[in-house]
Amino acid sequence: MRHFRPPANHRDPRWVKAREALLVIGAVAAEDADYAKHQNGRGFSKADSTKGHAFARLSITSVLSSNATYSEVLKMAARYRRQASRIAQGNLL
């Protein structure tokens, strides 16, 4: 039997956090063109690079469709929040 799962939208209480987390991960992924091949203090660590780029390609709907994915995305965004903040500040100047 197939279960119908309605699409996630802005009424889901997790939507705002998922959106913010994907913005953080997307900003860091944009700075990580070399997939951490060079230590330059920009982008993901070598261990997080592949997964970080995969998360950056996800939609909010796909993040919210799985509790495990939602949790992993939030954890990774928390690790890179400060770096994303520096990236955003640099873009404002």
PDB file of N, CA and C in Angstrom:
ATOM      1  N   MET A   1       0.835  -1.171   0.000  1.00  0.00           N
ATOM      2  CA  MET A   1       0.000   0.000   0.000  1.00  0.00           C
ATOM      3  C   MET A   1       0.886   1.242   0.000  1.00  0.00           C
ATOM      4  N   ARG A   2       0.591   2.181  -0.888  1.00  0.00           N
ATOM      5  CA  ARG A   2       1.363   3.410  -0.964  1.00  0.00           C
ATOM      6  C   ARG A   2       0.771   4.446  -0.024  1.00  0.00           C
ATOM      7  N   HIS A   3       1.647   5.172   0.610  1.00  0.00           N
ATOM      8  CA  HIS A   3       1.214   6.232   1.520  1.00  0.00           C
ATOM      9  C   HIS A   3       1.407   7.576   0.829  1.00  0.00           C
ATOM     10  N   PHE A   4       0.452   8.418   0.978  1.00  0.00           N
ATOM     11  CA  PHE A   4       0.544   9.756   0.417  1.00  0.00           C
ATOM     12  C   PHE A   4       1.172  10.680   1.443  1.00  0.00           C
ATOM     13  N   ARG A   5       2.243  11.299   1.056  1.00  0.00           N
ATOM     14  CA  ARG A   5       2.899  12.282   1.926  1.00  0.00           C
ATOM     15  C   ARG A   5       2.736  13.649   1.266  1.00  0.00           C
ATOM     16  N   PRO A   6       1.960  14.519   1.879  1.00  0.00           N
ATOM     17  CA  PRO A   6       1.764  15.840   1.262  1.00  0.00           C
ATOM     18  C   PRO A   6       3.082  16.597   1.175  1.00  0.00           C
ATOM     19  N   PRO A   7       3.212  17.436   0.165  1.00  0.00           N
ATOM     20  CA  PRO A   7       4.474  18.179   0.027  1.00  0.00           C
ATOM     21  C   PRO A   7       4.705  19.118   1.197  1.00  0.00           C
ATOM     22  N   ALA A   8       5.963  19.262   1.542  1.00  0.00           N
ATOM     23  CA  ALA A   8       6.326  20.179   2.636  1.00  0.00           C
ATOM     24  C   ALA A   8       6.123  21.608   2.162  1.00  0.00           C
ATOM     25  N   ASN A   9       5.673  22.434   3.028  1.00  0.00           N
ATOM     26  CA  ASN A   9       5.513  23.838   2.681  1.00  0.00           C
ATOM     27  C   ASN A   9       5.874  24.701   3.882  1.00  0.00           C
ATOM     28  N   HIS A  10       5.660  25.970   3.743  1.00  0.00           N
ATOM     29  CA  HIS A  10       6.060  26.897   4.790  1.00  0.00           C
ATOM     30  C   HIS A  10       5.253  26.734   6.074  1.00  0.00           C
ATOM     31  N   ARG A  11       4.189  25.941   6.062  1.00  0.00           N
ATOM     32  CA  ARG A  11       3.421  25.708   7.291  1.00  0.00           C
ATOM     33  C   ARG A  11       4.055  24.652   8.189  1.00  0.00           C
ATOM     34  N   ASP A  12       4.943  23.876   7.631  1.00  0.00           N
ATOM     35  CA  ASP A  12       5.675  22.875   8.420  1.00  0.00           C
ATOM     36  C   ASP A  12       6.590  23.639   9.373  1.00  0.00           C
ATOM     37  N   PRO A  13       6.535  23.346  10.675  1.00  0.00           N
ATOM     38  CA  PRO A  13       7.363  24.103  11.626  1.00  0.00           C
ATOM     39  C   PRO A  13       8.867  23.953  11.383  1.00  0.00           C
ATOM     40  N   ARG A  14       9.278  22.912  10.668  1.00  0.00           N
ATOM     41  CA  ARG A  14      10.695  22.703  10.390  1.00  0.00           C
ATOM     42  C   ARG A  14      11.163  23.447   9.144  1.00  0.00           C
ATOM     43  N   TRP A  15      10.232  23.997   8.367  1.00  0.00           N
ATOM     44  CA  TRP A  15      10.540  24.594   7.071  1.00  0.00           C
ATOM     45  C   TRP A  15      11.565  25.719   7.189  1.00  0.00           C
ATOM     46  N   VAL A  16      11.385  26.623   8.134  1.00  0.00           N
ATOM     47  CA  VAL A  16      12.281  27.776   8.277  1.00  0.00           C
ATOM     48  C   VAL A  16      13.705  27.323   8.600  1.00  0.00           C
ATOM     49  N   LYS A  17      13.838  26.375   9.521  1.00  0.00           N
ATOM     50  CA  LYS A  17      15.182  25.885   9.881  1.00  0.00           C
ATOM     51  C   LYS A  17      15.841  25.179   8.701  1.00  0.00           C
ATOM     52  N   ALA A  18      15.064  24.381   7.967  1.00  0.00           N
ATOM     53  CA  ALA A  18      15.613  23.678   6.811  1.00  0.00           C
ATOM     54  C   ALA A  18      16.082  24.676   5.752  1.00  0.00           C
ATOM     55  N   ARG A  19      15.304  25.713   5.518  1.00  0.00           N
ATOM     56  CA  ARG A  19      15.663  26.732   4.531  1.00  0.00           C
ATOM     57  C   ARG A  19      16.951  27.445   4.946  1.00  0.00           C
ATOM     58  N   GLU A  20      17.040  27.848   6.194  1.00  0.00           N
ATOM     59  CA  GLU A  20      18.248  28.526   6.681  1.00  0.00           C
ATOM     60  C   GLU A  20      19.466  27.616   6.580  1.00  0.00           C
ATOM     61  N   ALA A  21      19.296  26.352   6.947  1.00  0.00           N
ATOM     62  CA  ALA A  21      20.408  25.401   6.883  1.00  0.00           C
ATOM     63  C   ALA A  21      20.879  25.222   5.443  1.00  0.00           C
ATOM     64  N   LEU A  22      19.944  25.121   4.500  1.00  0.00           N
ATOM     65  CA  LEU A  22      20.334  24.964   3.098  1.00  0.00           C
ATOM     66  C   LEU A  22      21.007  26.221   2.559  1.00  0.00           C
ATOM     67  N   LEU A  23      20.624  27.392   3.044  1.00  0.00           N
ATOM     68  CA  LEU A  23      21.306  28.623   2.638  1.00  0.00           C
ATOM     69  C   LEU A  23      22.755  28.633   3.130  1.00  0.00           C
ATOM     70  N   VAL A  24      22.970  28.198   4.360  1.00  0.00           N
ATOM     71  CA  VAL A  24      24.329  28.112   4.918  1.00  0.00           C
ATOM     72  C   VAL A  24      25.165  27.130   4.108  1.00  0.00           C
ATOM     73  N   ILE A  25      24.624  25.947   3.890  1.00  0.00           N
ATOM     74  CA  ILE A  25      25.367  24.912   3.163  1.00  0.00           C
ATOM     75  C   ILE A  25      25.627  25.348   1.725  1.00  0.00           C
ATOM     76  N   GLY A  26      24.660  26.001   1.106  1.00  0.00           N
ATOM     77  CA  GLY A  26      24.844  26.486  -0.263  1.00  0.00           C
ATOM     78  C   GLY A  26      25.939  27.533  -0.364  1.00  0.00           C
ATOM     79  N   ALA A  27      26.006  28.431   0.611  1.00  0.00           N
ATOM     80  CA  ALA A  27      27.046  29.461   0.615  1.00  0.00           C
ATOM     81  C   ALA A  27      28.430  28.838   0.759  1.00  0.00           C
ATOM     82  N   VAL A  28      28.549  27.868   1.626  1.00  0.00           N
ATOM     83  CA  VAL A  28      29.844  27.202   1.830  1.00  0.00           C
ATOM     84  C   VAL A  28      30.215  26.375   0.600  1.00  0.00           C
ATOM     85  N   ALA A  29      29.239  25.701   0.009  1.00  0.00           N
ATOM     86  CA  ALA A  29      29.501  24.900  -1.197  1.00  0.00           C
ATOM     87  C   ALA A  29      29.991  25.786  -2.341  1.00  0.00           C
ATOM     88  N   ALA A  30      29.461  26.991  -2.436  1.00  0.00           N
ATOM     89  CA  ALA A  30      29.892  27.916  -3.486  1.00  0.00           C
ATOM     90  C   ALA A  30      31.358  28.305  -3.327  1.00  0.00           C
ATOM     91  N   GLU A  31      31.859  28.291  -2.104  1.00  0.00           N
ATOM     92  CA  GLU A  31      33.259  28.626  -1.837  1.00  0.00           C
ATOM     93  C   GLU A  31      34.183  27.414  -1.930  1.00  0.00           C
ATOM     94  N   ASP A  32      33.618  26.236  -2.118  1.00  0.00           N
ATOM     95  CA  ASP A  32      34.393  24.989  -2.087  1.00  0.00           C
ATOM     96  C   ASP A  32      34.478  24.357  -3.473  1.00  0.00           C
ATOM     97  N   ALA A  33      34.915  25.134  -4.448  1.00  0.00           N
ATOM     98  CA  ALA A  33      34.985  24.637  -5.821  1.00  0.00           C
ATOM     99  C   ALA A  33      35.983  23.490  -5.980  1.00  0.00           C
ATOM    100  N   ASP A  34      36.999  23.454  -5.129  1.00  0.00           N
ATOM    101  CA  ASP A  34      38.035  22.429  -5.259  1.00  0.00           C
ATOM    102  C   ASP A  34      37.770  21.175  -4.428  1.00  0.00           C
ATOM    103  N   TYR A  35      36.600  21.097  -3.776  1.00  0.00           N
ATOM    104  CA  TYR A  35      36.246  19.937  -2.937  1.00  0.00           C
ATOM    105  C   TYR A  35      37.338  19.640  -1.913  1.00  0.00           C
ATOM    106  N   ALA A  36      37.853  20.665  -1.287  1.00  0.00           N
ATOM    107  CA  ALA A  36      38.835  20.587  -0.198  1.00  0.00           C
ATOM    108  C   ALA A  36      40.156  19.952  -0.616  1.00  0.00           C
ATOM    109  N   LYS A  37      40.535  20.107  -1.875  1.00  0.00           N
ATOM    110  CA  LYS A  37      41.825  19.577  -2.311  1.00  0.00           C
ATOM    111  C   LYS A  37      42.981  20.433  -1.805  1.00  0.00           C
ATOM    112  N   HIS A  38      42.723  21.727  -1.615  1.00  0.00           N
ATOM    113  CA  HIS A  38      43.737  22.637  -1.095  1.00  0.00           C
ATOM    114  C   HIS A  38      43.254  23.210   0.222  1.00  0.00           C
ATOM    115  N   GLN A  39      44.152  23.299   1.175  1.00  0.00           N
ATOM    116  CA  GLN A  39      43.789  23.895   2.462  1.00  0.00           C
ATOM    117  C   GLN A  39      43.878  25.407   2.322  1.00  0.00           C
ATOM    118  N   ASN A  40      42.711  26.028   2.143  1.00  0.00           N
ATOM    119  CA  ASN A  40      42.694  27.468   1.972  1.00  0.00           C
ATOM    120  C   ASN A  40      41.734  28.148   2.937  1.00  0.00           C
ATOM    121  N   GLY A  41      41.172  27.387   3.885  1.00  0.00           N
ATOM    122  CA  GLY A  41      40.280  27.978   4.869  1.00  0.00           C
ATOM    123  C   GLY A  41      38.916  28.350   4.327  1.00  0.00           C
ATOM    124  N   ARG A  42      38.602  27.848   3.139  1.00  0.00           N
ATOM    125  CA  ARG A  42      37.324  28.160   2.513  1.00  0.00           C
ATOM    126  C   ARG A  42      36.643  26.863   2.114  1.00  0.00           C
ATOM    127  N   GLY A  43      35.351  26.796   2.342  1.00  0.00           N
ATOM    128  CA  GLY A  43      34.593  25.623   1.940  1.00  0.00           C
ATOM    129  C   GLY A  43      34.557  24.572   3.032  1.00  0.00           C
ATOM    130  N   PHE A  44      34.121  23.396   2.637  1.00  0.00           N
ATOM    131  CA  PHE A  44      33.974  22.279   3.569  1.00  0.00           C
ATOM    132  C   PHE A  44      35.322  21.639   3.883  1.00  0.00           C
ATOM    133  N   SER A  45      35.354  20.904   4.989  1.00  0.00           N
ATOM    134  CA  SER A  45      36.544  20.099   5.284  1.00  0.00           C
ATOM    135  C   SER A  45      36.560  18.925   4.307  1.00  0.00           C
ATOM    136  N   LYS A  46      37.687  18.255   4.241  1.00  0.00           N
ATOM    137  CA  LYS A  46      37.808  17.129   3.315  1.00  0.00           C
ATOM    138  C   LYS A  46      36.768  16.050   3.630  1.00  0.00           C
ATOM    139  N   ALA A  47      36.513  15.807   4.904  1.00  0.00           N
ATOM    140  CA  ALA A  47      35.556  14.774   5.312  1.00  0.00           C
ATOM    141  C   ALA A  47      34.117  15.155   4.963  1.00  0.00           C
ATOM    142  N   ASP A  48      33.800  16.454   4.954  1.00  0.00           N
ATOM    143  CA  ASP A  48      32.430  16.913   4.713  1.00  0.00           C
ATOM    144  C   ASP A  48      32.165  17.342   3.276  1.00  0.00           C
ATOM    145  N   SER A  49      33.180  17.429   2.462  1.00  0.00           N
ATOM    146  CA  SER A  49      33.043  18.036   1.142  1.00  0.00           C
ATOM    147  C   SER A  49      32.015  17.351   0.253  1.00  0.00           C
ATOM    148  N   THR A  50      32.116  16.060   0.072  1.00  0.00           N
ATOM    149  CA  THR A  50      31.194  15.348  -0.820  1.00  0.00           C
ATOM    150  C   THR A  50      29.762  15.438  -0.319  1.00  0.00           C
ATOM    151  N   LYS A  51      29.566  15.177   0.962  1.00  0.00           N
ATOM    152  CA  LYS A  51      28.225  15.238   1.538  1.00  0.00           C
ATOM    153  C   LYS A  51      27.691  16.669   1.527  1.00  0.00           C
ATOM    154  N   GLY A  52      28.530  17.642   1.792  1.00  0.00           N
ATOM    155  CA  GLY A  52      28.106  19.030   1.784  1.00  0.00           C
ATOM    156  C   GLY A  52      27.608  19.475   0.422  1.00  0.00           C
ATOM    157  N   HIS A  53      28.318  19.091  -0.629  1.00  0.00           N
ATOM    158  CA  HIS A  53      27.879  19.433  -1.982  1.00  0.00           C
ATOM    159  C   HIS A  53      26.581  18.711  -2.339  1.00  0.00           C
ATOM    160  N   ALA A  54      26.425  17.485  -1.873  1.00  0.00           N
ATOM    161  CA  ALA A  54      25.173  16.753  -2.112  1.00  0.00           C
ATOM    162  C   ALA A  54      24.016  17.432  -1.390  1.00  0.00           C
ATOM    163  N   PHE A  55      24.229  17.858  -0.161  1.00  0.00           N
ATOM    164  CA  PHE A  55      23.188  18.564   0.583  1.00  0.00           C
ATOM    165  C   PHE A  55      22.837  19.892  -0.088  1.00  0.00           C
ATOM    166  N   ALA A  56      23.810  20.569  -0.647  1.00  0.00           N
ATOM    167  CA  ALA A  56      23.564  21.860  -1.287  1.00  0.00           C
ATOM    168  C   ALA A  56      22.632  21.730  -2.487  1.00  0.00           C
ATOM    169  N   ARG A  57      22.587  20.555  -3.083  1.00  0.00           N
ATOM    170  CA  ARG A  57      21.713  20.326  -4.238  1.00  0.00           C
ATOM    171  C   ARG A  57      20.295  19.906  -3.847  1.00  0.00           C
ATOM    172  N   LEU A  58      20.053  19.645  -2.564  1.00  0.00           N
ATOM    173  CA  LEU A  58      18.733  19.198  -2.120  1.00  0.00           C
ATOM    174  C   LEU A  58      17.735  20.344  -2.069  1.00  0.00           C
ATOM    175  N   SER A  59      16.471  19.996  -2.246  1.00  0.00           N
ATOM    176  CA  SER A  59      15.395  20.975  -2.077  1.00  0.00           C
ATOM    177  C   SER A  59      14.905  20.907  -0.631  1.00  0.00           C
ATOM    178  N   ILE A  60      14.173  21.913  -0.227  1.00  0.00           N
ATOM    179  CA  ILE A  60      13.608  21.910   1.122  1.00  0.00           C
ATOM    180  C   ILE A  60      12.659  20.734   1.280  1.00  0.00           C
ATOM    181  N   THR A  61      11.890  20.434   0.245  1.00  0.00           N
ATOM    182  CA  THR A  61      10.949  19.320   0.296  1.00  0.00           C
ATOM    183  C   THR A  61      11.667  18.000   0.546  1.00  0.00           C
ATOM    184  N   SER A  62      12.778  17.772  -0.127  1.00  0.00           N
ATOM    185  CA  SER A  62      13.501  16.514   0.073  1.00  0.00           C
ATOM    186  C   SER A  62      14.153  16.441   1.446  1.00  0.00           C
ATOM    187  N   VAL A  63      14.588  17.575   1.975  1.00  0.00           N
ATOM    188  CA  VAL A  63      15.168  17.591   3.326  1.00  0.00           C
ATOM    189  C   VAL A  63      14.093  17.238   4.355  1.00  0.00           C
ATOM    190  N   LEU A  64      12.910  17.795   4.181  1.00  0.00           N
ATOM    191  CA  LEU A  64      11.835  17.571   5.140  1.00  0.00           C
ATOM    192  C   LEU A  64      11.165  16.209   4.990  1.00  0.00           C
ATOM    193  N   SER A  65      11.426  15.515   3.894  1.00  0.00           N
ATOM    194  CA  SER A  65      10.787  14.216   3.687  1.00  0.00           C
ATOM    195  C   SER A  65      11.390  13.114   4.552  1.00  0.00           C
ATOM    196  N   SER A  66      12.575  13.351   5.113  1.00  0.00           N
ATOM    197  CA  SER A  66      13.239  12.357   5.941  1.00  0.00           C
ATOM    198  C   SER A  66      13.778  13.022   7.211  1.00  0.00           C
ATOM    199  N   ASN A  67      13.408  12.492   8.344  1.00  0.00           N
ATOM    200  CA  ASN A  67      13.908  13.045   9.604  1.00  0.00           C
ATOM    201  C   ASN A  67      15.422  12.911   9.714  1.00  0.00           C
ATOM    202  N   ALA A  68      15.968  11.816   9.186  1.00  0.00           N
ATOM    203  CA  ALA A  68      17.416  11.607   9.245  1.00  0.00           C
ATOM    204  C   ALA A  68      18.151  12.659   8.411  1.00  0.00           C
ATOM    205  N   THR A  69      17.658  12.919   7.209  1.00  0.00           N
ATOM    206  CA  THR A  69      18.285  13.926   6.351  1.00  0.00           C
ATOM    207  C   THR A  69      18.157  15.307   6.972  1.00  0.00           C
ATOM    208  N   TYR A  70      16.992  15.616   7.489  1.00  0.00           N
ATOM    209  CA  TYR A  70      16.761  16.904   8.153  1.00  0.00           C
ATOM    210  C   TYR A  70      17.772  17.109   9.284  1.00  0.00           C
ATOM    211  N   SER A  71      17.955  16.088  10.089  1.00  0.00           N
ATOM    212  CA  SER A  71      18.884  16.168  11.207  1.00  0.00           C
ATOM    213  C   SER A  71      20.324  16.365  10.726  1.00  0.00           C
ATOM    214  N   GLU A  72      20.732  15.617   9.712  1.00  0.00           N
ATOM    215  CA  GLU A  72      22.101  15.733   9.194  1.00  0.00           C
ATOM    216  C   GLU A  72      22.363  17.110   8.590  1.00  0.00           C
ATOM    217  N   VAL A  73      21.385  17.632   7.865  1.00  0.00           N
ATOM    218  CA  VAL A  73      21.542  18.949   7.252  1.00  0.00           C
ATOM    219  C   VAL A  73      21.688  20.019   8.333  1.00  0.00           C
ATOM    220  N   LEU A  74      20.873  19.940   9.377  1.00  0.00           N
ATOM    221  CA  LEU A  74      20.978  20.917  10.469  1.00  0.00           C
ATOM    222  C   LEU A  74      22.328  20.834  11.169  1.00  0.00           C
ATOM    223  N   LYS A  75      22.821  19.617  11.402  1.00  0.00           N
ATOM    224  CA  LYS A  75      24.114  19.449  12.068  1.00  0.00           C
ATOM    225  C   LYS A  75      25.246  20.032  11.232  1.00  0.00           C
ATOM    226  N   MET A  76      25.209  19.761   9.916  1.00  0.00           N
ATOM    227  CA  MET A  76      26.274  20.285   9.060  1.00  0.00           C
ATOM    228  C   MET A  76      26.196  21.813   8.987  1.00  0.00           C
ATOM    229  N   ALA A  77      25.000  22.347   8.888  1.00  0.00           N
ATOM    230  CA  ALA A  77      24.849  23.806   8.833  1.00  0.00           C
ATOM    231  C   ALA A  77      25.366  24.451  10.112  1.00  0.00           C
ATOM    232  N   ALA A  78      25.142  23.808  11.243  1.00  0.00           N
ATOM    233  CA  ALA A  78      25.631  24.343  12.515  1.00  0.00           C
ATOM    234  C   ALA A  78      27.163  24.395  12.528  1.00  0.00           C
ATOM    235  N   ARG A  79      27.817  23.386  11.929  1.00  0.00           N
ATOM    236  CA  ARG A  79      29.285  23.366  11.887  1.00  0.00           C
ATOM    237  C   ARG A  79      29.853  24.495  11.038  1.00  0.00           C
ATOM    238  N   TYR A  80      29.110  24.894   9.977  1.00  0.00           N
ATOM    239  CA  TYR A  80      29.646  25.860   9.017  1.00  0.00           C
ATOM    240  C   TYR A  80      28.956  27.223   9.075  1.00  0.00           C
ATOM    241  N   ARG A  81      28.116  27.440  10.075  1.00  0.00           N
ATOM    242  CA  ARG A  81      27.358  28.696  10.170  1.00  0.00           C
ATOM    243  C   ARG A  81      28.284  29.918  10.244  1.00  0.00           C
ATOM    244  N   ARG A  82      29.356  29.832  11.016  1.00  0.00           N
ATOM    245  CA  ARG A  82      30.265  30.972  11.167  1.00  0.00           C
ATOM    246  C   ARG A  82      30.964  31.297   9.840  1.00  0.00           C
ATOM    247  N   GLN A  83      31.388  30.260   9.122  1.00  0.00           N
ATOM    248  CA  GLN A  83      32.047  30.478   7.834  1.00  0.00           C
ATOM    249  C   GLN A  83      31.071  31.116   6.841  1.00  0.00           C
ATOM    250  N   ALA A  84      29.835  30.659   6.838  1.00  0.00           N
ATOM    251  CA  ALA A  84      28.834  31.231   5.934  1.00  0.00           C
ATOM    252  C   ALA A  84      28.568  32.684   6.287  1.00  0.00           C
ATOM    253  N   SER A  85      28.610  33.002   7.559  1.00  0.00           N
ATOM    254  CA  SER A  85      28.412  34.383   7.997  1.00  0.00           C
ATOM    255  C   SER A  85      29.543  35.272   7.482  1.00  0.00           C
ATOM    256  N   ARG A  86      30.773  34.776   7.540  1.00  0.00           N
ATOM    257  CA  ARG A  86      31.913  35.544   7.020  1.00  0.00           C
ATOM    258  C   ARG A  86      31.794  35.729   5.509  1.00  0.00           C
ATOM    259  N   ILE A  87      31.312  34.703   4.818  1.00  0.00           N
ATOM    260  CA  ILE A  87      31.133  34.789   3.364  1.00  0.00           C
ATOM    261  C   ILE A  87      30.111  35.868   3.045  1.00  0.00           C
ATOM    262  N   ALA A  88      28.996  35.879   3.755  1.00  0.00           N
ATOM    263  CA  ALA A  88      27.936  36.865   3.529  1.00  0.00           C
ATOM    264  C   ALA A  88      28.438  38.269   3.810  1.00  0.00           C
ATOM    265  N   GLN A  89      29.226  38.439   4.871  1.00  0.00           N
ATOM    266  CA  GLN A  89      29.753  39.764   5.203  1.00  0.00           C
ATOM    267  C   GLN A  89      30.717  40.239   4.129  1.00  0.00           C
ATOM    268  N   GLY A  90      31.491  39.322   3.581  1.00  0.00           N
ATOM    269  CA  GLY A  90      32.430  39.682   2.522  1.00  0.00           C
ATOM    270  C   GLY A  90      31.703  40.114   1.260  1.00  0.00           C
ATOM    271  N   ASN A  91      30.541  39.530   0.988  1.00  0.00           N
ATOM    272  CA  ASN A  91      29.764  39.900  -0.189  1.00  0.00           C
ATOM    273  C   ASN A  91      29.110  41.262  -0.047  1.00  0.00           C
ATOM    274  N   LEU A  92      28.931  41.716   1.185  1.00  0.00           N
ATOM    275  CA  LEU A  92      28.300  43.013   1.411  1.00  0.00           C
ATOM    276  C   LEU A  92      29.268  44.172   1.190  1.00  0.00           C
ATOM    277  N   LEU A  93      30.559  43.887   1.309  1.00  0.00           N
ATOM    278  CA  LEU A  93      31.556  44.965   1.196  1.00  0.00           C
ATOM    279  C   LEU A  93      31.850  45.308  -0.256  1.00  0.00           C
TER     280      LEU A  93
END
